[in-house]
Amino acid sequence: MSKGLRRYIATVETAKHRVFVFLQAEVLPDNKLINIALDDAFYLGILSARIHVVWALAAGGKLEDRPVYIKTTCFNPFPFPIATKTQAARIRALGEQLDAHRKRQQEAHPELTMTGMYNVLEKLRAGEPLNDKDRVIHEQGLVSMLKQLHEELDVAVSDAYRWPHDASDEQILEELVALNAERAEEERNGVVRWLRAEFQSGAEKPTNLTMPGTEDEYEVDKPAATTIPWPQRPGERIAAIRDLVLGSKRVWRTSEVASTFKGAKKEDVQDLLDGLVGIGVLVAYGNTEKELRWGPPIVR
């Protein structure tokens, strides 16, 4: 599973703090590590954020008072977000920064442990005073910077799910369970969101949707070379736009939609696209070249 990867994600099976790190491919893990054959920091960022940690604590087990990460219940059913390109890039950058920060400080201070850093991080989050030992760890690990990285990552991942930043643990679990059910229904209908499409699907160019969650998973079909007559009636125009966008596994710029219909005005198409978003038929993605992009509603 790790063939062709230069690194992979790992977490200690039983640990006080749920921490994910990159290990180099030549490192052979033992049975106490949970190993995830992904080398993209986008996934490291998602797994390291509060949303996944809340899920893992609820879905995992316990050994005395220490949480146990069970891959079949904590990782396999976890519904990753479908992020825009901008969101995915932000999460990826923060994931790289988080991994590099911890390794850099541990390399500079060989006695510094991950558990020690995260013990101090929990105290900072709770507003508890630091003792002399804590202050040494805080300085060696630059734990305030670690705290900031996690806070920025939590915000970035919440944005990718389109969820509020201040959601409670209960709200997060409710949303994740509902999203998991949606993904299960998608798979029953033949749509699988592969994490490593080239490995998991067995096809070089899978035609079903893939992860990570950027608009790229829709960019399979290209716009038609010929134009379609622009209907006269408003209802027929709405239906034509709906069928065009939903009928292709890609996202569309407003100008692309307008140019597909002979005689359509861009501003009229824009209004109809906005209306389709308003009733939940389509989703509006971020601006690209000063234009919104439109696609199927792949998130809740």
Protein backbone atom coordinates (compact mmCIF):
# COMPACT_ATOMS: atom_id res chain seq x y z
CA MET A 1 0.00 0.00 0.00
CA SER A 2 2.92 2.34 0.64
CA LYS A 3 4.68 1.49 -2.62
CA GLY A 4 5.60 4.66 -4.47
CA LEU A 5 5.13 6.90 -1.42
CA ARG A 6 8.05 8.87 -0.03
CA ARG A 7 6.34 9.13 3.36
CA TYR A 8 3.19 8.06 5.16
CA ILE A 9 1.02 9.25 8.05
CA ALA A 10 1.27 7.51 11.43
CA THR A 11 -0.30 7.83 14.86
CA VAL A 12 0.35 5.87 18.05
CA GLU A 13 -2.46 3.38 18.59
CA THR A 14 -2.87 4.11 22.30
CA ALA A 15 -1.97 7.61 23.41
CA LYS A 16 -3.12 10.43 25.68
CA HIS A 17 -3.09 12.88 22.77
CA ARG A 18 -4.19 12.08 19.22
CA VAL A 19 -1.23 13.24 17.14
CA PHE A 20 -0.53 12.44 13.49
CA VAL A 21 2.96 12.71 11.98
CA PHE A 22 4.74 11.94 8.73
CA LEU A 23 7.24 9.07 8.75
CA GLN A 24 9.67 8.49 5.91
CA ALA A 25 8.94 5.48 3.73
CA GLU A 26 12.12 3.68 4.85
CA VAL A 27 10.90 3.68 8.47
CA LEU A 28 9.31 0.30 9.21
CA PRO A 29 6.53 0.71 11.80
CA ASP A 30 5.81 -1.75 14.59
CA ASN A 31 2.44 -3.05 15.72
CA LYS A 32 1.84 -0.11 18.08
CA LEU A 33 1.51 2.36 15.24
CA ILE A 34 -1.51 2.98 13.05
CA ASN A 35 -0.21 3.69 9.56
CA ILE A 36 -2.09 5.49 6.80
CA ALA A 37 -0.70 5.18 3.27
CA LEU A 38 -1.13 8.83 2.31
CA ASP A 39 1.70 11.30 1.69
CA ASP A 40 -0.36 14.44 1.09
CA ALA A 41 -0.25 17.00 3.92
CA PHE A 42 -3.89 17.83 3.11
CA TYR A 43 -4.83 14.58 4.86
CA LEU A 44 -2.40 15.12 7.72
CA GLY A 45 -4.05 18.50 8.28
CA ILE A 46 -7.57 17.06 8.24
CA LEU A 47 -6.66 14.26 10.64
CA SER A 48 -4.86 16.65 13.00
CA ALA A 49 -7.75 19.09 13.26
CA ARG A 50 -10.32 19.13 16.05
CA ILE A 51 -13.12 17.71 13.89
CA HIS A 52 -11.33 14.41 13.32
CA VAL A 53 -10.02 14.23 16.89
CA VAL A 54 -13.58 14.60 18.23
CA TRP A 55 -14.69 11.80 15.88
CA ALA A 56 -11.75 9.55 16.84
CA LEU A 57 -12.40 9.96 20.57
CA ALA A 58 -16.04 9.00 20.08
CA ALA A 59 -15.44 6.16 17.61
CA GLY A 60 -12.30 4.70 19.17
CA GLY A 61 -11.67 2.61 22.26
CA LYS A 62 -10.04 3.04 25.66
CA LEU A 63 -7.16 1.39 27.48
CA GLU A 64 -7.62 2.46 31.09
CA ASP A 65 -7.85 6.24 30.65
CA ARG A 66 -5.98 6.47 27.32
CA PRO A 67 -7.79 6.72 23.97
CA VAL A 68 -7.18 3.95 21.43
CA TYR A 69 -7.28 4.72 17.70
CA ILE A 70 -9.07 1.88 15.91
CA LYS A 71 -8.54 2.18 12.18
CA THR A 72 -11.74 0.37 11.19
CA THR A 73 -13.93 2.73 13.23
CA CYS A 74 -11.87 5.93 13.46
CA PHE A 75 -10.39 6.21 9.96
CA ASN A 76 -12.25 4.02 7.48
CA PRO A 77 -15.75 5.54 7.97
CA PHE A 78 -14.55 9.10 8.56
CA PRO A 79 -16.03 11.43 5.90
CA PHE A 80 -13.33 13.79 4.64
CA PRO A 81 -14.45 17.24 3.48
CA ILE A 82 -14.72 18.24 -0.16
CA ALA A 83 -12.55 21.34 -0.16
CA THR A 84 -12.09 23.95 -2.84
CA LYS A 85 -8.63 24.31 -4.34
CA THR A 86 -7.95 27.32 -2.12
CA GLN A 87 -9.15 25.53 1.00
CA ALA A 88 -7.18 22.38 0.20
CA ALA A 89 -4.01 24.42 -0.40
CA ARG A 90 -4.46 26.18 2.95
CA ILE A 91 -4.97 22.93 4.85
CA ARG A 92 -2.02 21.33 3.03
CA ALA A 93 0.28 24.24 3.93
CA LEU A 94 -0.77 24.18 7.59
CA GLY A 95 -0.30 20.41 7.72
CA GLU A 96 3.25 20.78 6.42
CA GLN A 97 3.96 23.58 8.89
CA LEU A 98 2.59 21.58 11.82
CA ASP A 99 4.67 18.51 11.00
CA ALA A 100 7.82 20.55 10.35
CA HIS A 101 7.43 22.64 13.53
CA ARG A 102 7.24 19.67 15.87
CA LYS A 103 10.12 17.82 14.20
CA ARG A 104 12.29 20.92 14.12
CA GLN A 105 11.85 21.58 17.85
CA GLN A 106 12.42 17.94 18.76
CA GLU A 107 15.57 17.84 16.67
CA ALA A 108 16.84 20.96 18.44
CA HIS A 109 15.92 19.51 21.85
CA PRO A 110 16.30 15.69 21.84
CA GLU A 111 14.73 15.40 25.32
CA LEU A 112 11.54 17.09 24.14
CA THR A 113 8.66 14.66 23.72
CA MET A 114 5.42 14.95 21.78
CA THR A 115 3.46 14.10 24.93
CA GLY A 116 5.23 16.87 26.82
CA MET A 117 4.43 19.46 24.16
CA TYR A 118 0.78 18.48 23.99
CA ASN A 119 0.46 18.39 27.80
CA VAL A 120 1.55 22.02 27.84
CA LEU A 121 -0.69 22.80 24.86
CA GLU A 122 -3.70 21.48 26.81
CA LYS A 123 -2.80 23.71 29.75
CA LEU A 124 -2.55 26.73 27.48
CA ARG A 125 -5.94 25.93 25.97
CA ALA A 126 -7.48 25.57 29.43
CA GLY A 127 -5.83 28.75 30.74
CA GLU A 128 -4.03 26.79 33.46
CA PRO A 129 -0.76 28.09 34.97
CA LEU A 130 2.51 26.50 33.88
CA ASN A 131 5.00 25.10 36.38
CA ASP A 132 8.77 25.31 35.94
CA LYS A 133 8.92 22.08 33.92
CA ASP A 134 6.06 23.24 31.72
CA ARG A 135 7.77 26.55 31.03
CA VAL A 136 10.91 24.75 29.83
CA ILE A 137 8.84 22.60 27.48
CA HIS A 138 6.91 25.68 26.35
CA GLU A 139 10.14 27.42 25.41
CA GLN A 140 11.80 24.41 23.79
CA GLY A 141 8.73 23.38 21.84
CA LEU A 142 7.52 26.89 21.03
CA VAL A 143 4.15 25.59 22.18
CA SER A 144 2.40 28.93 21.68
CA MET A 145 3.25 28.62 17.98
CA LEU A 146 2.02 25.01 18.05
CA LYS A 147 -1.23 26.26 19.54
CA GLN A 148 -1.59 28.88 16.82
CA LEU A 149 -1.01 26.31 14.07
CA HIS A 150 -3.71 24.06 15.49
CA GLU A 151 -6.13 26.95 15.82
CA GLU A 152 -5.58 28.00 12.21
CA LEU A 153 -5.92 24.39 11.08
CA ASP A 154 -9.21 23.99 12.98
CA VAL A 155 -10.61 27.06 11.24
CA ALA A 156 -9.39 25.95 7.80
CA VAL A 157 -10.89 22.47 8.17
CA SER A 158 -14.19 23.84 9.48
CA ASP A 159 -14.34 26.07 6.41
CA ALA A 160 -13.77 23.06 4.17
CA TYR A 161 -16.80 21.36 5.73
CA ARG A 162 -18.77 24.65 5.54
CA TRP A 163 -19.43 24.34 9.29
CA PRO A 164 -19.22 27.07 11.97
CA HIS A 165 -15.91 27.47 13.78
CA ASP A 166 -17.52 27.30 17.21
CA ALA A 167 -19.51 24.07 16.74
CA SER A 168 -19.74 21.94 19.87
CA ASP A 169 -18.42 18.38 20.01
CA GLU A 170 -22.00 17.12 19.88
CA GLN A 171 -22.78 19.21 16.80
CA ILE A 172 -19.61 18.00 15.07
CA LEU A 173 -20.51 14.37 15.71
CA GLU A 174 -24.07 14.86 14.48
CA GLU A 175 -22.82 16.45 11.26
CA LEU A 176 -20.19 13.77 10.69
CA VAL A 177 -22.66 10.94 11.22
CA ALA A 178 -25.07 12.55 8.76
CA LEU A 179 -22.29 13.13 6.22
CA ASN A 180 -21.13 9.55 6.63
CA ALA A 181 -24.66 8.39 5.79
CA GLU A 182 -24.67 10.58 2.67
CA ARG A 183 -21.36 9.11 1.52
CA ALA A 184 -22.69 5.58 2.10
CA GLU A 185 -25.68 6.37 -0.09
CA GLU A 186 -23.34 7.76 -2.78
CA GLU A 187 -21.35 4.54 -2.76
CA ARG A 188 -24.51 2.48 -3.11
CA ASN A 189 -25.16 4.56 -6.22
CA GLY A 190 -21.67 3.88 -7.59
CA VAL A 191 -19.92 7.13 -6.58
CA VAL A 192 -16.77 6.49 -4.56
CA ARG A 193 -14.56 9.27 -3.23
CA TRP A 194 -11.18 7.57 -3.43
CA LEU A 195 -8.38 8.88 -1.25
CA ARG A 196 -5.81 7.31 -3.60
CA ALA A 197 -7.72 6.72 -6.80
CA GLU A 198 -4.76 5.30 -8.73
CA PHE A 199 -4.27 2.63 -6.07
CA GLN A 200 -7.78 1.92 -4.80
CA SER A 201 -9.84 2.02 -7.97
CA GLY A 202 -7.60 -0.22 -10.06
CA ALA A 203 -7.98 2.15 -13.00
CA GLU A 204 -5.55 4.69 -14.34
CA LYS A 205 -8.30 7.21 -15.07
CA PRO A 206 -11.27 6.54 -12.81
CA THR A 207 -14.50 8.13 -13.97
CA ASN A 208 -16.06 8.34 -10.53
CA LEU A 209 -15.38 11.19 -8.11
CA THR A 210 -12.05 11.21 -6.30
CA MET A 211 -10.44 12.90 -3.33
CA PRO A 212 -8.88 15.14 -2.16
CA GLY A 213 -11.78 17.46 -2.29
CA THR A 214 -11.06 20.05 -4.89
CA GLU A 215 -13.14 21.04 -7.85
CA ASP A 216 -10.76 18.89 -9.92
CA GLU A 217 -12.77 15.77 -9.18
CA TYR A 218 -15.46 17.17 -11.43
CA GLU A 219 -13.20 18.16 -14.29
CA VAL A 220 -13.64 14.96 -16.30
CA ASP A 221 -16.01 16.10 -19.00
CA LYS A 222 -15.32 19.17 -21.10
CA PRO A 223 -17.83 21.70 -22.38
CA ALA A 224 -19.64 20.71 -25.54
CA ALA A 225 -18.06 22.04 -28.71
CA THR A 226 -21.46 23.01 -30.12
CA THR A 227 -23.95 25.41 -28.58
CA ILE A 228 -27.41 24.58 -27.37
CA PRO A 229 -30.44 26.72 -28.31
CA TRP A 230 -31.37 29.04 -25.46
CA PRO A 231 -34.99 28.23 -24.42
CA GLN A 232 -37.55 31.02 -24.47
CA ARG A 233 -39.41 30.20 -21.27
CA PRO A 234 -37.76 30.88 -17.86
CA GLY A 235 -38.66 27.45 -16.52
CA GLU A 236 -37.10 25.75 -19.52
CA ARG A 237 -33.96 27.85 -19.13
CA ILE A 238 -33.62 26.81 -15.48
CA ALA A 239 -34.06 23.17 -16.42
CA ALA A 240 -31.52 23.46 -19.25
CA ILE A 241 -28.85 24.94 -16.97
CA ARG A 242 -29.59 22.41 -14.26
CA ASP A 243 -29.26 19.49 -16.67
CA LEU A 244 -26.07 20.88 -18.17
CA VAL A 245 -24.22 21.27 -14.86
CA LEU A 246 -25.57 18.19 -13.11
CA GLY A 247 -25.04 16.08 -16.20
CA SER A 248 -21.27 16.56 -16.20
CA LYS A 249 -18.70 15.66 -13.54
CA ARG A 250 -17.01 19.06 -13.43
CA VAL A 251 -17.51 22.61 -12.30
CA TRP A 252 -18.48 25.45 -14.66
CA ARG A 253 -17.62 29.12 -14.86
CA THR A 254 -20.54 31.43 -15.49
CA SER A 255 -19.14 32.41 -18.89
CA GLU A 256 -18.81 28.74 -19.89
CA VAL A 257 -22.45 28.09 -19.10
CA ALA A 258 -23.56 31.19 -20.99
CA SER A 259 -21.44 30.37 -24.04
CA THR A 260 -22.93 26.87 -24.21
CA PHE A 261 -26.38 28.32 -24.94
CA LYS A 262 -26.79 30.20 -28.22
CA GLY A 263 -28.16 33.66 -27.53
CA ALA A 264 -27.91 33.51 -23.73
CA LYS A 265 -26.78 36.61 -21.84
CA LYS A 266 -24.21 36.12 -19.11
CA GLU A 267 -26.14 38.22 -16.57
CA ASP A 268 -29.31 36.19 -17.14
CA VAL A 269 -27.40 32.94 -16.71
CA GLN A 270 -25.83 34.31 -13.53
CA ASP A 271 -29.27 35.04 -12.04
CA LEU A 272 -30.52 31.55 -12.84
CA LEU A 273 -27.39 29.93 -11.39
CA ASP A 274 -27.87 31.95 -8.20
CA GLY A 275 -31.45 30.71 -8.05
CA LEU A 276 -30.38 27.08 -8.42
CA VAL A 277 -27.89 27.55 -5.58
CA GLY A 278 -30.63 29.13 -3.46
CA ILE A 279 -32.81 26.03 -3.69
CA GLY A 280 -29.92 23.63 -3.13
CA VAL A 281 -29.65 22.21 -6.63
CA LEU A 282 -26.14 23.58 -7.26
CA VAL A 283 -23.20 24.76 -5.17
CA ALA A 284 -21.19 27.95 -5.78
CA TYR A 285 -17.42 27.58 -5.40
CA GLY A 286 -14.76 30.25 -5.01
CA ASN A 287 -13.93 32.87 -7.57
CA THR A 288 -11.66 31.88 -10.42
CA GLU A 289 -10.55 34.63 -12.79
CA LYS A 290 -13.21 36.87 -11.18
CA GLU A 291 -15.95 34.34 -11.92
CA LEU A 292 -17.80 32.00 -9.59
CA ARG A 293 -17.73 28.33 -10.40
CA TRP A 294 -20.76 26.06 -10.17
CA GLY A 295 -21.14 22.36 -9.51
CA PRO A 296 -23.33 19.64 -8.00
CA PRO A 297 -24.12 19.84 -4.26
CA ILE A 298 -21.47 17.42 -3.02
CA VAL A 299 -21.55 18.61 0.61
CA ARG A 300 -24.32 19.06 3.10
